[in-house]
Amino acid sequence: MDVIKEIIQNSAIGPLSKGYQNLVLSLFMSIVFTLAIMFVVLLVHGYSGNIQFGY
């Protein structure tokens, strides 16, 4: 936990208030969580996808 606090203090959001830090971190975590879910869905249902190239 100390490492995470040090990274936050040395980053661009370090001088911001705790509310803004929490907002930025929650936004980042929601993006990462969404990408992880999309990756799992792609792994589970990717074989049935129909990929076509062209116009």
C-alpha atoms as a PDB file:
ATOM      1  CA  MET A   1       0.000   0.000   0.000  1.00  0.00           C
ATOM      2  CA  ASP A   2       2.895   2.351   0.656  1.00  0.00           C
ATOM      3  CA  VAL A   3       4.153   1.806  -2.890  1.00  0.00           C
ATOM      4  CA  ILE A   4       0.779   2.802  -4.355  1.00  0.00           C
ATOM      5  CA  LYS A   5       0.665   5.956  -2.218  1.00  0.00           C
ATOM      6  CA  GLU A   6       4.178   6.903  -3.299  1.00  0.00           C
ATOM      7  CA  ILE A   7       3.338   6.371  -6.965  1.00  0.00           C
ATOM      8  CA  ILE A   8       0.258   8.569  -6.603  1.00  0.00           C
ATOM      9  CA  GLN A   9       2.227  11.307  -4.829  1.00  0.00           C
ATOM     10  CA  ASN A  10       4.885  11.349  -7.561  1.00  0.00           C
ATOM     11  CA  SER A  11       2.375  11.304 -10.431  1.00  0.00           C
ATOM     12  CA  ALA A  12       0.448  14.141 -12.054  1.00  0.00           C
ATOM     13  CA  ILE A  13      -2.498  13.695  -9.675  1.00  0.00           C
ATOM     14  CA  GLY A  14      -0.305  13.964  -6.580  1.00  0.00           C
ATOM     15  CA  PRO A  15      -0.972  17.647  -5.795  1.00  0.00           C
ATOM     16  CA  LEU A  16      -4.725  17.306  -6.344  1.00  0.00           C
ATOM     17  CA  SER A  17      -7.173  16.832  -3.503  1.00  0.00           C
ATOM     18  CA  LYS A  18      -8.151  13.367  -2.267  1.00  0.00           C
ATOM     19  CA  GLY A  19     -11.547  13.646  -3.952  1.00  0.00           C
ATOM     20  CA  TYR A  20     -10.010  14.209  -7.372  1.00  0.00           C
ATOM     21  CA  GLN A  21      -7.461  11.457  -6.769  1.00  0.00           C
ATOM     22  CA  ASN A  22     -10.241   9.020  -5.915  1.00  0.00           C
ATOM     23  CA  LEU A  23     -12.222  10.113  -8.966  1.00  0.00           C
ATOM     24  CA  VAL A  24      -9.267   9.613 -11.316  1.00  0.00           C
ATOM     25  CA  LEU A  25      -8.376   6.251  -9.802  1.00  0.00           C
ATOM     26  CA  SER A  26     -11.969   5.014  -9.944  1.00  0.00           C
ATOM     27  CA  LEU A  27     -12.229   6.095 -13.584  1.00  0.00           C
ATOM     28  CA  PHE A  28      -8.997   4.249 -14.393  1.00  0.00           C
ATOM     29  CA  MET A  29     -10.158   1.127 -12.542  1.00  0.00           C
ATOM     30  CA  SER A  30     -13.518   1.154 -14.346  1.00  0.00           C
ATOM     31  CA  ILE A  31     -11.734   1.326 -17.713  1.00  0.00           C
ATOM     32  CA  VAL A  32      -9.426  -1.551 -16.764  1.00  0.00           C
ATOM     33  CA  PHE A  33     -12.356  -3.590 -15.436  1.00  0.00           C
ATOM     34  CA  THR A  34     -14.335  -3.004 -18.655  1.00  0.00           C
ATOM     35  CA  LEU A  35     -11.372  -4.056 -20.795  1.00  0.00           C
ATOM     36  CA  ALA A  36     -10.920  -7.218 -18.723  1.00  0.00           C
ATOM     37  CA  ILE A  37     -14.584  -8.137 -19.163  1.00  0.00           C
ATOM     38  CA  MET A  38     -14.362  -7.474 -22.911  1.00  0.00           C
ATOM     39  CA  PHE A  39     -11.288  -9.713 -23.124  1.00  0.00           C
ATOM     40  CA  VAL A  40     -13.040 -12.550 -21.278  1.00  0.00           C
ATOM     41  CA  VAL A  41     -16.111 -12.248 -23.529  1.00  0.00           C
ATOM     42  CA  LEU A  42     -13.852 -12.303 -26.579  1.00  0.00           C
ATOM     43  CA  LEU A  43     -12.104 -15.440 -25.328  1.00  0.00           C
ATOM     44  CA  VAL A  44     -15.383 -17.219 -24.598  1.00  0.00           C
ATOM     45  CA  HIS A  45     -17.353 -16.191 -27.706  1.00  0.00           C
ATOM     46  CA  GLY A  46     -14.590 -15.254 -30.132  1.00  0.00           C
ATOM     47  CA  TYR A  47     -14.677 -18.487 -32.108  1.00  0.00           C
ATOM     48  CA  SER A  48     -18.215 -17.807 -33.301  1.00  0.00           C
ATOM     49  CA  GLY A  49     -17.409 -14.315 -34.556  1.00  0.00           C
ATOM     50  CA  ASN A  50     -17.718 -13.606 -38.258  1.00  0.00           C
ATOM     51  CA  ILE A  51     -14.806 -11.452 -39.402  1.00  0.00           C
ATOM     52  CA  GLN A  52     -15.001 -10.073 -42.921  1.00  0.00           C
ATOM     53  CA  PHE A  53     -12.596  -7.752 -44.667  1.00  0.00           C
ATOM     54  CA  GLY A  54     -13.545  -5.571 -47.591  1.00  0.00           C
ATOM     55  CA  TYR A  55     -16.167  -3.055 -48.575  1.00  0.00           C
END
